[in-house]
N, C-alpha and C. Protein backbone atom coordinates (compact mmCIF):
# COMPACT_ATOMS: atom_id res chain seq x y z
N MET A 1 27.61 3.11 1.13
CA MET A 1 28.72 2.95 2.07
C MET A 1 28.28 1.99 3.17
N ALA A 2 29.17 1.17 3.56
CA ALA A 2 28.86 0.22 4.62
C ALA A 2 28.61 0.96 5.92
N ARG A 3 27.69 0.48 6.71
CA ARG A 3 27.37 1.13 7.98
C ARG A 3 28.42 0.84 9.05
N HIS A 4 28.98 -0.35 9.02
CA HIS A 4 29.96 -0.75 10.03
C HIS A 4 31.25 -1.15 9.32
N MET A 5 32.32 -0.49 9.64
CA MET A 5 33.61 -0.82 9.05
C MET A 5 34.58 -1.20 10.15
N ALA A 6 35.33 -2.24 9.93
CA ALA A 6 36.32 -2.66 10.92
C ALA A 6 37.44 -1.62 10.97
N ALA A 7 37.79 -1.18 12.14
CA ALA A 7 38.76 -0.09 12.29
C ALA A 7 40.18 -0.51 11.96
N ASP A 8 40.48 -1.80 12.00
CA ASP A 8 41.86 -2.22 11.78
C ASP A 8 42.18 -2.52 10.32
N ASP A 9 41.21 -2.47 9.42
CA ASP A 9 41.45 -2.73 8.01
C ASP A 9 41.54 -1.42 7.24
N GLN A 10 42.50 -1.39 6.29
CA GLN A 10 42.66 -0.17 5.51
C GLN A 10 41.67 -0.09 4.36
N GLU A 11 41.30 -1.21 3.79
CA GLU A 11 40.35 -1.23 2.68
C GLU A 11 39.23 -2.22 2.99
N MET A 12 38.04 -1.87 2.61
CA MET A 12 36.89 -2.76 2.73
C MET A 12 36.23 -2.84 1.36
N PHE A 13 35.62 -3.98 1.07
CA PHE A 13 34.97 -4.19 -0.22
C PHE A 13 33.53 -4.60 0.02
N ARG A 14 32.69 -4.30 -0.96
CA ARG A 14 31.31 -4.80 -0.92
C ARG A 14 30.92 -5.21 -2.32
N ALA A 15 29.97 -6.12 -2.39
CA ALA A 15 29.46 -6.61 -3.66
C ALA A 15 28.09 -5.99 -3.91
N VAL A 16 27.89 -5.49 -5.12
CA VAL A 16 26.62 -4.87 -5.50
C VAL A 16 26.07 -5.66 -6.68
N VAL A 17 24.90 -6.25 -6.52
CA VAL A 17 24.25 -7.04 -7.57
C VAL A 17 22.95 -6.36 -7.93
N GLU A 18 22.79 -6.03 -9.22
CA GLU A 18 21.57 -5.37 -9.70
C GLU A 18 20.83 -6.31 -10.63
N VAL A 19 19.54 -6.45 -10.39
CA VAL A 19 18.69 -7.30 -11.22
C VAL A 19 17.57 -6.44 -11.79
N THR A 20 17.40 -6.50 -13.10
CA THR A 20 16.31 -5.80 -13.78
C THR A 20 15.53 -6.84 -14.57
N TYR A 21 14.22 -6.80 -14.48
CA TYR A 21 13.41 -7.76 -15.23
C TYR A 21 12.08 -7.13 -15.61
N ARG A 22 11.47 -7.69 -16.65
CA ARG A 22 10.17 -7.23 -17.12
C ARG A 22 9.17 -8.35 -16.86
N ASP A 23 8.22 -8.09 -15.98
CA ASP A 23 7.20 -9.07 -15.63
C ASP A 23 6.08 -8.96 -16.65
N THR A 24 5.94 -9.98 -17.49
CA THR A 24 4.92 -9.94 -18.54
C THR A 24 3.64 -10.65 -18.13
N ALA A 25 3.59 -11.19 -16.92
CA ALA A 25 2.38 -11.86 -16.46
C ALA A 25 1.31 -10.82 -16.15
N PRO A 26 0.07 -11.03 -16.55
CA PRO A 26 -0.98 -10.05 -16.26
C PRO A 26 -1.25 -9.97 -14.76
N GLU A 27 -1.28 -8.77 -14.24
CA GLU A 27 -1.53 -8.57 -12.82
C GLU A 27 -2.85 -7.85 -12.55
N GLY A 28 -3.41 -7.30 -13.56
CA GLY A 28 -4.65 -6.54 -13.37
C GLY A 28 -5.22 -6.14 -14.72
N PRO A 29 -6.38 -5.49 -14.71
CA PRO A 29 -7.04 -5.10 -15.96
C PRO A 29 -6.16 -4.23 -16.85
N GLU A 30 -5.34 -3.35 -16.25
CA GLU A 30 -4.52 -2.48 -17.07
C GLU A 30 -3.46 -3.26 -17.84
N ASP A 31 -2.97 -4.35 -17.27
CA ASP A 31 -1.97 -5.14 -17.97
C ASP A 31 -2.60 -6.00 -19.06
N ARG A 32 -3.80 -6.46 -18.85
CA ARG A 32 -4.49 -7.29 -19.85
C ARG A 32 -4.91 -6.47 -21.06
N SER A 33 -4.97 -5.15 -20.92
CA SER A 33 -5.40 -4.31 -22.02
C SER A 33 -4.29 -4.10 -23.05
N GLY A 34 -3.10 -4.63 -22.79
CA GLY A 34 -2.02 -4.49 -23.74
C GLY A 34 -1.04 -3.39 -23.40
N THR A 35 -1.24 -2.71 -22.26
CA THR A 35 -0.31 -1.67 -21.85
C THR A 35 1.03 -2.31 -21.49
N PRO A 36 2.13 -1.78 -22.03
CA PRO A 36 3.44 -2.36 -21.70
C PRO A 36 3.72 -2.29 -20.19
N VAL A 37 4.33 -3.34 -19.69
CA VAL A 37 4.66 -3.40 -18.27
C VAL A 37 6.06 -2.81 -18.09
N GLU A 38 6.19 -1.90 -17.14
CA GLU A 38 7.48 -1.25 -16.89
C GLU A 38 8.47 -2.26 -16.29
N PRO A 39 9.75 -2.11 -16.62
CA PRO A 39 10.76 -2.99 -16.00
C PRO A 39 10.82 -2.78 -14.50
N ARG A 40 11.11 -3.83 -13.78
CA ARG A 40 11.29 -3.76 -12.34
C ARG A 40 12.75 -4.02 -12.04
N ALA A 41 13.23 -3.44 -10.95
CA ALA A 41 14.64 -3.61 -10.61
C ALA A 41 14.82 -3.63 -9.11
N PHE A 42 15.86 -4.32 -8.68
CA PHE A 42 16.26 -4.25 -7.28
C PHE A 42 17.77 -4.41 -7.20
N THR A 43 18.33 -3.92 -6.12
CA THR A 43 19.77 -3.97 -5.90
C THR A 43 20.05 -4.63 -4.56
N ASN A 44 20.94 -5.60 -4.57
CA ASN A 44 21.41 -6.24 -3.33
C ASN A 44 22.83 -5.75 -3.07
N VAL A 45 23.05 -5.23 -1.87
CA VAL A 45 24.39 -4.82 -1.46
C VAL A 45 24.84 -5.79 -0.38
N LEU A 46 25.94 -6.49 -0.65
CA LEU A 46 26.43 -7.53 0.24
C LEU A 46 27.79 -7.14 0.80
N GLY A 47 27.99 -7.31 2.07
CA GLY A 47 29.28 -6.98 2.66
C GLY A 47 29.11 -6.15 3.90
N PRO A 48 30.15 -5.60 4.42
CA PRO A 48 31.48 -5.45 3.83
C PRO A 48 32.34 -6.69 3.99
N TYR A 49 33.34 -6.80 3.10
CA TYR A 49 34.31 -7.89 3.12
C TYR A 49 35.71 -7.31 3.24
N ARG A 50 36.61 -8.09 3.79
CA ARG A 50 38.00 -7.63 3.97
C ARG A 50 38.82 -7.78 2.70
N THR A 51 38.43 -8.70 1.81
CA THR A 51 39.20 -8.92 0.59
C THR A 51 38.31 -8.79 -0.64
N LYS A 52 38.96 -8.44 -1.75
CA LYS A 52 38.24 -8.34 -3.02
C LYS A 52 37.73 -9.71 -3.46
N GLY A 53 38.49 -10.75 -3.16
CA GLY A 53 38.09 -12.11 -3.53
C GLY A 53 36.81 -12.54 -2.83
N ALA A 54 36.64 -12.14 -1.58
CA ALA A 54 35.41 -12.49 -0.86
C ALA A 54 34.22 -11.77 -1.46
N ALA A 55 34.40 -10.53 -1.89
CA ALA A 55 33.31 -9.79 -2.54
C ALA A 55 32.97 -10.41 -3.89
N LYS A 56 33.99 -10.85 -4.62
CA LYS A 56 33.76 -11.50 -5.91
C LYS A 56 33.00 -12.81 -5.73
N ALA A 57 33.32 -13.56 -4.69
CA ALA A 57 32.61 -14.81 -4.40
C ALA A 57 31.15 -14.52 -4.05
N ALA A 58 30.90 -13.43 -3.34
CA ALA A 58 29.52 -13.06 -3.00
C ALA A 58 28.72 -12.73 -4.25
N ILE A 59 29.36 -12.08 -5.22
CA ILE A 59 28.68 -11.78 -6.49
C ILE A 59 28.32 -13.07 -7.21
N LYS A 60 29.23 -14.03 -7.22
CA LYS A 60 28.95 -15.31 -7.89
C LYS A 60 27.78 -16.03 -7.22
N ARG A 61 27.75 -16.03 -5.88
CA ARG A 61 26.64 -16.68 -5.18
C ARG A 61 25.32 -15.97 -5.49
N ALA A 62 25.33 -14.65 -5.45
CA ALA A 62 24.10 -13.89 -5.72
C ALA A 62 23.68 -14.04 -7.17
N ASP A 63 24.64 -14.15 -8.09
CA ASP A 63 24.31 -14.32 -9.50
C ASP A 63 23.62 -15.65 -9.74
N ARG A 64 24.05 -16.70 -9.06
CA ARG A 64 23.37 -17.99 -9.20
C ARG A 64 21.93 -17.90 -8.75
N GLU A 65 21.69 -17.19 -7.65
CA GLU A 65 20.32 -17.03 -7.17
C GLU A 65 19.50 -16.16 -8.13
N ALA A 66 20.12 -15.16 -8.71
CA ALA A 66 19.40 -14.25 -9.60
C ALA A 66 19.10 -14.88 -10.96
N GLN A 67 19.74 -15.98 -11.29
CA GLN A 67 19.46 -16.65 -12.56
C GLN A 67 17.99 -17.08 -12.64
N TRP A 68 17.36 -17.23 -11.50
CA TRP A 68 15.93 -17.56 -11.47
C TRP A 68 15.14 -16.54 -12.27
N TYR A 69 15.50 -15.27 -12.13
CA TYR A 69 14.80 -14.21 -12.86
C TYR A 69 14.99 -14.36 -14.36
N LYS A 70 16.15 -14.80 -14.77
CA LYS A 70 16.39 -14.99 -16.20
C LYS A 70 15.57 -16.14 -16.76
N ARG A 71 15.28 -17.14 -15.93
CA ARG A 71 14.50 -18.28 -16.40
C ARG A 71 13.01 -17.97 -16.48
N TYR A 72 12.49 -17.14 -15.57
CA TYR A 72 11.05 -16.98 -15.47
C TYR A 72 10.50 -15.64 -15.96
N TYR A 73 11.37 -14.69 -16.26
CA TYR A 73 10.90 -13.38 -16.71
C TYR A 73 11.60 -13.01 -18.01
N ASP A 74 10.87 -12.27 -18.84
CA ASP A 74 11.45 -11.79 -20.09
C ASP A 74 12.41 -10.65 -19.81
N GLU A 75 13.41 -10.54 -20.64
CA GLU A 75 14.34 -9.41 -20.63
C GLU A 75 15.01 -9.20 -19.28
N ALA A 76 15.39 -10.24 -18.60
CA ALA A 76 16.05 -10.10 -17.30
C ALA A 76 17.55 -9.91 -17.50
N THR A 77 18.13 -8.99 -16.73
CA THR A 77 19.57 -8.79 -16.73
C THR A 77 20.06 -8.80 -15.29
N VAL A 78 21.22 -9.39 -15.10
CA VAL A 78 21.86 -9.45 -13.78
C VAL A 78 23.27 -8.92 -13.94
N THR A 79 23.61 -7.87 -13.20
CA THR A 79 24.96 -7.31 -13.26
C THR A 79 25.51 -7.21 -11.84
N GLY A 80 26.82 -7.36 -11.73
CA GLY A 80 27.46 -7.26 -10.43
C GLY A 80 28.73 -6.43 -10.53
N ARG A 81 29.04 -5.77 -9.44
CA ARG A 81 30.27 -4.99 -9.39
C ARG A 81 30.80 -5.00 -7.96
N ILE A 82 32.07 -4.69 -7.83
CA ILE A 82 32.71 -4.60 -6.52
C ILE A 82 33.04 -3.14 -6.26
N GLU A 83 32.72 -2.69 -5.06
CA GLU A 83 33.05 -1.32 -4.66
C GLU A 83 34.03 -1.38 -3.50
N LYS A 84 34.91 -0.37 -3.43
CA LYS A 84 35.95 -0.33 -2.41
C LYS A 84 35.80 0.94 -1.58
N ALA A 85 35.99 0.79 -0.28
CA ALA A 85 36.02 1.95 0.63
C ALA A 85 37.36 1.90 1.36
N THR A 86 37.96 3.06 1.50
CA THR A 86 39.25 3.16 2.20
C THR A 86 39.03 3.85 3.52
N THR A 87 39.54 3.25 4.58
CA THR A 87 39.45 3.88 5.89
C THR A 87 40.61 4.87 6.02
N VAL A 88 40.28 6.11 6.28
CA VAL A 88 41.29 7.14 6.45
C VAL A 88 41.15 7.70 7.86
N TRP A 89 42.26 7.66 8.61
CA TRP A 89 42.24 8.18 9.97
C TRP A 89 42.62 9.66 9.96
N GLU A 90 41.82 10.46 10.64
CA GLU A 90 42.08 11.90 10.73
C GLU A 90 42.08 12.32 12.19
N PRO A 91 42.88 13.35 12.54
CA PRO A 91 42.88 13.82 13.91
C PRO A 91 41.54 14.48 14.26
N VAL A 92 41.12 14.31 15.49
CA VAL A 92 39.87 14.89 15.98
C VAL A 92 40.20 15.80 17.15
N ASP A 93 39.66 17.00 17.14
CA ASP A 93 39.86 17.93 18.26
C ASP A 93 39.04 17.48 19.45
N GLY A 94 39.63 17.67 20.63
CA GLY A 94 38.87 17.42 21.84
C GLY A 94 39.26 16.17 22.51
């Protein structure tokens, strides 16, 4: 969930880009021994945005940057999705 949401917008969107890759470069004695290297992953959360189109554009920009992982690492995958949050106003006592 976004930490800061604009109070005047009813819906907010964010872009979530997940990158998973397998680093096959040897990093130490355990990797040189033939032990499989575990996949690594990270998630970028971008936003919030006022429109779905802005979140979609953010995914495209992040996907271009993440293509680097596909070029230099084996078994790299890049996925993106858009998430929506709805601002709901409720009465508060006091």
